[in-house]
Protein backbone atom coordinates (compact mmCIF):
# COMPACT_ATOMS: atom_id res chain seq x y z
CA MET A 1 15.37 55.93 92.09
CA ASN A 2 14.69 59.44 90.76
CA ASP A 3 11.16 60.63 91.53
CA SER A 4 10.75 61.88 87.95
CA TRP A 5 10.74 58.26 86.79
CA SER A 6 7.70 57.35 88.89
CA VAL A 7 5.47 59.87 87.11
CA SER A 8 6.49 58.75 83.64
CA GLY A 9 3.69 56.22 83.15
CA ARG A 10 3.71 56.66 79.38
CA ARG A 11 7.32 55.50 79.20
CA ASP A 12 6.60 52.50 81.47
CA SER A 13 3.82 51.51 79.08
CA ALA A 14 6.22 51.72 76.16
CA LEU A 15 8.69 49.53 77.99
CA ARG A 16 6.07 46.86 78.52
CA LYS A 17 5.76 46.73 74.73
CA ALA A 18 9.50 46.29 74.20
CA ASP A 19 8.97 42.99 72.44
CA VAL A 20 7.05 44.74 69.65
CA ALA A 21 9.14 45.77 66.64
CA VAL A 22 9.81 49.53 66.52
CA GLU A 23 10.46 51.81 63.63
CA LYS A 24 13.87 53.35 63.16
CA ARG A 25 14.96 54.87 66.44
CA ARG A 26 15.53 58.57 67.05
CA ILE A 27 19.17 59.62 67.41
CA LEU A 28 19.94 62.39 69.92
CA LEU A 29 23.35 64.08 69.89
CA LEU A 30 24.50 65.91 73.00
CA GLY A 31 27.40 68.35 72.74
CA ALA A 32 27.20 68.88 68.97
CA THR A 33 28.67 72.39 69.22
CA GLY A 34 31.96 71.08 70.66
CA TYR A 35 34.99 69.86 68.72
CA THR A 36 34.19 66.14 68.92
CA GLY A 37 30.44 66.72 68.67
CA ARG A 38 30.82 68.56 65.37
CA ARG A 39 32.72 65.60 63.95
CA VAL A 40 30.01 63.20 65.05
CA LEU A 41 27.35 65.43 63.51
CA ARG A 42 29.24 65.62 60.21
CA GLU A 43 29.46 61.82 60.10
CA LEU A 44 25.78 61.37 60.94
CA LEU A 45 24.72 63.81 58.23
CA ALA A 46 26.98 62.06 55.73
CA ARG A 47 25.06 58.87 56.51
CA GLY A 48 21.76 60.57 55.78
CA GLU A 49 20.71 60.92 59.43
CA LYS A 50 18.82 63.86 60.96
CA PRO A 51 19.79 63.71 64.63
CA THR A 52 18.07 65.77 67.31
CA LEU A 53 20.59 68.22 68.78
CA VAL A 54 20.43 68.46 72.57
CA GLY A 55 22.17 71.16 74.58
CA ARG A 56 21.96 74.28 76.70
CA SER A 57 21.72 76.88 73.91
CA ARG A 58 19.04 76.61 71.27
CA THR A 59 20.62 79.51 69.38
CA LYS A 60 24.03 77.84 69.12
CA MET A 61 22.51 74.55 67.99
CA LEU A 62 20.40 76.23 65.28
CA THR A 63 23.45 78.18 64.12
CA LEU A 64 25.41 74.94 63.90
CA ALA A 65 22.67 73.27 61.89
CA ASP A 66 22.65 76.23 59.50
CA ARG A 67 26.41 75.93 59.09
CA PHE A 68 25.93 72.34 58.00
CA GLU A 69 22.99 73.42 55.79
CA ALA A 70 20.73 70.97 57.61
CA GLU A 71 17.27 71.33 59.12
CA LEU A 72 17.53 69.54 62.42
CA PRO A 73 15.27 69.34 65.49
CA VAL A 74 16.78 70.82 68.64
CA ALA A 75 16.01 70.39 72.33
CA GLU A 76 17.20 72.96 74.88
CA VAL A 77 17.83 71.00 78.07
CA ASP A 78 19.84 71.29 81.27
CA LEU A 79 22.40 68.54 80.65
CA THR A 80 23.24 68.29 84.35
CA SER A 81 19.65 67.38 85.29
CA SER A 82 18.71 63.72 85.01
CA ALA A 83 15.07 64.72 85.67
CA HIS A 84 14.99 67.01 82.62
CA LEU A 85 16.74 64.44 80.45
CA THR A 86 14.47 61.62 81.63
CA ARG A 87 11.45 63.59 80.41
CA LEU A 88 13.13 63.97 77.02
CA LEU A 89 14.25 60.38 76.46
CA GLY A 90 12.26 57.28 75.59
CA PRO A 91 12.97 53.56 75.05
CA SER A 92 13.22 53.98 71.27
CA ASP A 93 16.01 56.58 71.49
CA VAL A 94 19.72 56.31 70.76
CA VAL A 95 21.74 58.78 72.82
CA VAL A 96 25.21 59.96 71.80
CA SER A 97 26.99 62.21 74.30
CA THR A 98 30.21 64.16 73.76
CA VAL A 99 29.73 66.37 76.83
CA GLY A 100 32.71 66.14 79.16
CA PRO A 101 34.55 66.00 81.45
CA PHE A 102 32.28 63.04 82.07
CA MET A 103 33.03 62.53 85.76
CA GLN A 104 31.74 66.07 86.27
CA LEU A 105 29.02 66.33 83.62
CA GLY A 106 28.20 62.87 82.32
CA MET A 107 26.22 60.98 84.95
CA ALA A 108 22.92 62.81 84.45
CA THR A 109 22.72 61.82 80.79
CA VAL A 110 23.70 58.17 81.16
CA THR A 111 21.42 57.77 84.18
CA ALA A 112 18.48 59.17 82.22
CA ALA A 113 19.28 56.86 79.30
CA ALA A 114 19.36 53.83 81.59
CA ARG A 115 16.05 54.68 83.21
CA ALA A 116 14.44 55.37 79.83
CA GLY A 117 15.54 52.04 78.36
CA ALA A 118 17.49 53.85 75.64
CA ARG A 119 20.70 52.94 73.84
CA TYR A 120 23.64 55.07 74.91
CA PHE A 121 27.16 55.80 73.61
CA ASP A 122 29.67 58.47 74.59
CA SER A 123 33.12 59.82 73.79
CA THR A 124 34.65 59.62 77.26
CA GLY A 125 38.26 58.65 77.73
CA GLU A 126 37.78 58.57 81.51
CA GLY A 127 38.04 54.99 82.72
CA PRO A 128 36.74 55.83 86.21
CA PHE A 129 33.55 57.19 84.63
CA ALA A 130 32.99 53.95 82.71
CA ARG A 131 33.56 51.97 85.91
CA ARG A 132 31.06 54.14 87.78
CA VAL A 133 28.47 53.59 85.04
CA LEU A 134 28.98 49.82 85.32
CA LEU A 135 28.73 49.75 89.11
CA GLU A 136 25.76 52.10 89.46
CA LEU A 137 23.66 51.49 86.35
CA ASP A 138 24.19 47.94 85.06
CA SER A 139 21.20 46.46 86.93
CA VAL A 140 19.00 49.46 86.10
CA ALA A 141 19.88 49.26 82.41
CA ALA A 142 19.34 45.50 82.24
CA ALA A 143 15.93 45.79 83.93
CA ARG A 144 14.82 48.60 81.61
CA GLY A 145 16.20 47.02 78.44
CA ALA A 146 18.77 49.79 77.98
CA THR A 147 22.20 49.21 76.46
CA LEU A 148 24.96 51.50 77.75
CA VAL A 149 28.36 51.47 76.01
CA PRO A 150 30.60 54.20 77.46
CA ALA A 151 33.88 55.17 75.76
CA PHE A 152 32.77 54.32 72.23
CA GLY A 153 35.51 56.16 70.35
CA TYR A 154 39.29 56.11 70.08
CA ASP A 155 38.98 55.49 73.80
CA TYR A 156 38.47 52.50 73.96
CA VAL A 157 36.95 50.73 70.96
CA PRO A 158 40.16 49.91 69.03
CA GLY A 159 41.83 48.49 72.13
CA ASN A 160 38.84 46.29 72.90
CA LEU A 161 38.76 45.16 69.27
CA ALA A 162 42.51 44.53 69.01
CA GLY A 163 42.52 42.69 72.32
CA ALA A 164 39.57 40.50 71.30
CA LEU A 165 41.15 39.66 67.94
CA ALA A 166 44.47 38.71 69.59
CA LEU A 167 42.69 36.60 72.22
CA GLU A 168 40.55 34.87 69.63
CA GLN A 169 43.63 34.04 67.59
CA ALA A 170 45.53 32.83 70.67
CA GLY A 171 42.77 30.49 71.86
CA GLU A 172 42.03 29.18 75.33
CA ARG A 173 45.69 29.23 76.42
CA ALA A 174 45.60 33.03 76.51
CA CYS A 175 45.40 34.21 80.12
CA HIS A 176 46.76 37.73 79.79
CA VAL A 177 46.38 40.57 77.33
CA GLU A 178 48.28 43.84 77.01
CA ILE A 179 46.98 46.73 74.89
CA GLY A 180 48.84 49.88 73.92
CA TYR A 181 47.58 53.11 72.35
CA PHE A 182 49.97 55.16 70.21
CA ILE A 183 49.76 58.17 67.91
CA THR A 184 51.64 58.40 64.63
CA ARG A 185 51.79 60.80 61.69
CA SER A 186 51.14 60.34 58.01
CA GLY A 187 53.58 61.51 55.37
CA ARG A 188 56.65 60.82 57.51
CA GLY A 189 57.61 57.37 56.33
CA SER A 190 56.00 54.16 57.52
CA GLU A 191 53.41 54.72 60.23
CA LEU A 192 54.44 51.42 61.80
CA HIS A 193 57.98 52.72 62.32
CA TYR A 194 57.06 56.22 63.51
CA ARG A 195 58.18 57.06 67.04
CA SER A 196 55.91 59.56 68.74
CA THR A 197 57.37 62.49 70.68
CA LEU A 198 56.32 64.68 73.58
CA ARG A 199 55.56 67.40 71.02
CA ASP A 200 53.07 65.11 69.29
CA SER A 201 51.01 64.91 72.48
CA TRP A 202 50.47 68.67 72.09
CA ASP A 203 50.26 69.02 68.30
CA LEU A 204 47.85 66.10 67.81
CA THR A 205 45.44 66.73 70.71
CA THR A 206 42.87 69.31 71.76
CA GLY A 207 42.86 71.40 74.92
CA GLY A 208 39.92 69.35 76.17
CA THR A 209 41.90 66.13 75.84
CA ARG A 210 44.84 67.55 77.75
CA GLN A 211 42.49 68.85 80.45
CA THR A 212 41.00 65.37 80.81
CA LEU A 213 44.44 63.73 81.03
CA VAL A 214 45.61 66.09 83.77
CA ALA A 215 42.36 65.84 85.71
CA ALA A 216 42.50 62.04 85.45
CA ALA A 217 45.68 62.08 87.52
CA ALA A 218 43.52 63.06 90.49
CA GLU A 219 41.03 60.24 89.96
CA ASP A 220 41.30 56.73 91.36
CA GLY A 221 42.24 54.25 88.63
CA PHE A 222 41.89 50.49 88.37
CA ALA A 223 43.27 47.36 86.75
CA TYR A 224 42.08 43.80 86.15
CA ARG A 225 44.13 41.06 87.79
CA SER A 226 44.36 38.86 90.86
CA PRO A 227 44.69 41.00 94.01
CA ARG A 228 46.93 38.37 95.59
CA PRO A 229 48.38 34.96 94.69
CA GLY A 230 45.71 32.28 94.44
CA ALA A 231 42.78 34.72 94.37
CA SER A 232 40.40 35.08 91.43
CA SER A 233 41.02 37.99 89.10
CA ARG A 234 38.81 41.04 89.37
CA LEU A 235 38.85 44.81 89.12
CA VAL A 236 41.32 46.22 91.65
CA ASP A 237 42.04 49.81 92.59
CA GLU A 238 45.26 51.10 91.05
CA ARG A 239 46.42 54.61 90.23
CA ALA A 240 47.11 55.54 86.63
CA ALA A 241 50.73 55.35 85.43
CA LYS A 242 51.70 52.81 88.08
CA ARG A 243 53.67 50.76 85.57
CA VAL A 244 55.25 51.08 82.14
CA LEU A 245 54.45 48.42 79.54
CA THR A 246 56.74 47.71 76.58
CA PHE A 247 55.44 46.80 73.13
CA ARG A 248 57.82 45.56 70.46
CA TYR A 249 56.23 45.74 67.03
CA ALA A 250 57.57 46.26 63.50
CA GLY A 251 61.07 46.49 64.93
CA VAL A 252 60.17 49.43 67.18
CA ARG A 253 60.19 49.38 70.98
CA ARG A 254 57.29 51.43 72.34
CA PRO A 255 56.73 52.24 76.05
CA ALA A 256 53.26 52.96 77.44
CA MET A 257 52.02 54.04 80.88
CA THR A 258 49.22 52.00 82.39
CA VAL A 259 45.78 53.64 82.37
CA PRO A 260 42.26 52.50 83.35
CA GLY A 261 40.28 51.62 80.21
CA THR A 262 37.08 49.81 79.33
CA GLU A 263 39.14 46.81 78.20
CA HIS A 264 39.43 45.98 81.92
CA LEU A 265 35.64 45.95 82.15
CA GLY A 266 34.65 44.42 78.82
CA LEU A 267 37.20 41.81 77.75
CA PRO A 268 36.88 39.52 80.82
CA GLU A 269 33.14 39.35 80.13
CA VAL A 270 33.81 37.91 76.66
CA PHE A 271 36.95 35.95 77.56
CA PRO A 272 36.37 34.65 81.11
CA GLN A 273 39.69 32.77 81.19
CA LEU A 274 41.56 36.09 81.44
CA GLU A 275 43.71 36.55 84.52
CA SER A 276 44.93 40.05 83.72
CA VAL A 277 44.22 42.94 81.38
CA GLU A 278 46.74 45.75 80.97
CA VAL A 279 46.12 48.96 79.01
CA GLY A 280 48.81 51.53 78.27
CA MET A 281 48.94 55.04 76.81
CA GLY A 282 52.08 55.49 74.69
CA TRP A 283 51.69 58.99 73.31
CA LEU A 284 54.80 60.38 75.01
CA GLY A 285 57.49 58.29 73.32
CA ARG A 286 60.83 58.44 75.12
CA TRP A 287 59.29 60.77 77.73
CA THR A 288 57.01 57.99 78.96
CA ARG A 289 59.32 56.78 81.71
CA PRO A 290 60.21 60.26 83.10
CA VAL A 291 56.53 61.26 83.16
CA GLN A 292 55.63 57.97 84.84
CA ILE A 293 58.26 58.54 87.53
CA ALA A 294 56.95 62.07 88.11
CA ALA A 295 53.42 60.69 88.43
CA MET A 296 54.65 58.10 90.93
CA LEU A 297 56.37 60.78 93.04
CA GLN A 298 53.28 62.98 93.16
CA ALA A 299 50.96 60.10 94.03
CA PRO A 300 51.22 60.65 97.83
CA LEU A 301 50.18 64.29 97.37
CA LEU A 302 47.05 63.22 95.51
CA ARG A 303 45.75 61.49 98.61
CA SER A 304 44.86 64.99 99.82
CA ALA A 305 41.39 66.11 98.77
CA LYS A 306 42.61 69.72 98.59
CA VAL A 307 45.44 68.83 96.21
CA ARG A 308 43.11 66.77 94.02
CA ALA A 309 40.63 69.64 93.85
CA ALA A 310 43.41 72.11 93.02
CA LEU A 311 44.71 69.86 90.23
CA ALA A 312 41.22 69.55 88.78
CA ARG A 313 40.84 73.35 88.80
CA TRP A 314 44.28 73.86 87.24
CA SER A 315 43.48 71.38 84.47
CA GLY A 316 40.74 73.73 83.30
CA ARG A 317 43.21 76.60 82.89
CA LEU A 318 45.82 74.88 80.73
CA PRO A 319 47.14 76.97 77.80
CA GLY A 320 46.09 76.14 74.25
CA ALA A 321 42.45 75.51 75.10
CA HIS A 322 41.39 76.44 71.55
CA HIS A 323 44.27 74.75 69.76
CA GLU A 324 43.10 72.34 67.04
CA PRO A 325 45.17 69.23 66.30
CA ASP A 326 47.44 69.00 63.28
CA ALA A 327 45.80 67.30 60.32
CA ASP A 328 48.40 64.55 59.82
CA GLY A 329 47.70 62.56 62.98
CA ARG A 330 47.09 58.81 62.82
CA SER A 331 46.42 56.05 65.35
CA LEU A 332 48.15 52.76 66.13
CA VAL A 333 46.81 50.25 68.67
CA ILE A 334 48.70 47.06 69.54
CA ALA A 335 47.42 44.06 71.51
CA VAL A 336 49.46 41.08 72.73
CA ALA A 337 47.84 37.92 74.10
CA ARG A 338 50.03 35.86 76.44
CA ASP A 339 49.88 32.47 78.11
CA GLY A 340 50.09 31.79 81.83
CA HIS A 341 53.88 32.08 81.74
CA GLY A 342 53.83 35.44 79.98
CA ARG A 343 54.86 34.06 76.60
CA PRO A 344 53.29 35.86 73.61
CA LEU A 345 50.77 33.77 71.69
CA ALA A 346 49.32 36.33 69.27
CA THR A 347 49.76 39.99 68.39
CA THR A 348 47.24 42.21 66.63
CA ALA A 349 47.79 45.78 65.46
CA LEU A 350 45.18 48.21 64.18
CA THR A 351 45.78 51.46 62.35
CA GLY A 352 43.28 54.23 61.79
CA PRO A 353 42.66 57.96 61.46
CA ASP A 354 43.51 60.51 64.15
CA PRO A 355 41.73 59.96 67.49
CA TYR A 356 39.07 62.62 66.89
CA GLU A 357 38.10 61.53 63.39
CA MET A 358 38.02 57.93 64.61
CA THR A 359 35.80 58.88 67.53
CA GLY A 360 33.38 60.78 65.30
CA SER A 361 33.16 57.91 62.83
CA LEU A 362 32.77 55.20 65.47
CA LEU A 363 30.07 57.07 67.38
CA ALA A 364 28.15 57.74 64.16
CA TRP A 365 28.40 54.11 63.09
CA GLY A 366 27.35 52.88 66.54
CA ALA A 367 24.36 55.22 66.64
CA VAL A 368 23.15 54.35 63.14
CA HIS A 369 23.58 50.63 63.76
CA ALA A 370 21.77 50.83 67.11
CA ALA A 371 18.94 52.88 65.56
CA ALA A 372 18.11 50.23 62.97
CA PRO A 373 14.74 48.51 63.68
CA ASP A 374 16.30 45.04 63.59
CA ALA A 375 19.43 45.87 65.62
CA VAL A 376 19.88 43.63 68.66
CA LEU A 377 22.14 44.90 71.44
CA LYS A 378 22.76 43.23 74.77
CA PRO A 379 20.96 45.08 77.62
CA GLY A 380 23.06 46.35 80.51
CA VAL A 381 26.43 48.09 80.67
CA HIS A 382 28.96 46.46 78.37
CA GLY A 383 32.17 46.90 76.48
CA PRO A 384 31.83 47.22 72.70
CA VAL A 385 32.63 43.55 71.94
CA ALA A 386 29.94 42.19 74.26
CA ALA A 387 27.41 44.81 73.17
CA PHE A 388 27.72 44.27 69.40
CA GLY A 389 29.56 40.98 68.95
CA LEU A 390 33.08 40.71 67.57
CA ASP A 391 32.19 40.26 63.90
CA THR A 392 29.79 43.21 63.83
CA LEU A 393 32.23 45.46 65.71
CA ARG A 394 35.02 44.50 63.34
CA LEU A 395 32.92 45.54 60.33
CA GLY A 396 31.87 48.77 62.03
CA ALA A 397 35.45 49.67 62.87
CA ALA A 398 36.44 49.08 59.25
CA GLU A 399 33.73 51.54 58.17
CA ALA A 400 35.38 54.05 60.53
CA GLY A 401 38.77 53.49 58.88
CA VAL A 402 40.18 51.14 61.54
CA HIS A 403 41.94 48.20 59.90
CA GLU A 404 44.06 45.26 61.02
CA VAL A 405 47.70 45.44 59.94
CA ASP A 406 48.95 42.68 57.69
CA GLY A 407 51.56 40.79 59.69
CA ALA A 408 53.85 40.70 56.66
CA LEU A 409 54.05 44.50 56.69
CA ALA A 410 55.08 44.50 60.34
CA ARG A 411 57.98 42.16 59.60
CA ARG A 412 59.47 44.40 56.91
């Protein structure tokens, strides 16, 4: 345990009074000057909130507040120091972090939030980071009354929601669930029939997203299934892009490479009968299979620590670092619940705004909901369904523009 926690007697006293109703909680936004952070800030301000901006440069944060014509409190803090952050945070705080890459920069903030008994959300798309948070901080968070929900944006709220809706519809016979993430475009015919291209993965993403995707290739991934016949299902180590999933929806065949997501962590908690959870990223369209094969061929090289370090360094030098996504991007997430023989029982599809707008809206909704005096969240590290409950999450996603597709439209 960090020594800075032992001297924080005032915060321990506050924690002992956790059963006493609190006023509306303070919202702290980390990384507001970045691309995703600015979107979260815009959404919070639109909801009438006055978040505290937390970051390394007081000048940049004040300039940002002026740009939004808002008077906001700021806190200049070393975001890589859990000791500094622990002194800042308290049990009545709601922390929203958009500071990534999270495997490099995120642990100090989430650790401080857990120790403070705060409520925490972030914008990570890095499954290994979410797994690390679960393994290292679940018991700490539960003991302190903290609720930690990593990856509370496009990654991986809609997949958790779509998977839960499909599983609920399928009933107890559902043993397997497959979830696919796809990007589409508006103004080009039906979104349900749009086939994404390799070019879309450039035009509709930021440099930071592409850096994270490349760096993730050097990280150890995971899946949720039985490690061998007859054994109970659990999280197992598995590299990203090991397999290609196929989703057939609205008459379109969509491939997706397997990736580690928080669905692997969160859905089995809510649906304990699950034997496997598969999550796929389908942004590359027809290039999915060639890219997956290339990833498979390079996998032996990534066992070398030097190669992994070199790839991580190279990911930070990718071209187009300041490129902003095209404005016509949209999101499509598909979930299929299957029985023990692999037969489909239920399919759910969600559509929504582009990944960055969705992330900003979801994080703002989550923070505002968690800040309410009467909001009850489950302590510990959880996926979004377990943390909020399915009905509440469904309503929150709708506020963020994420809606379930009418099955009749998919059959047209």
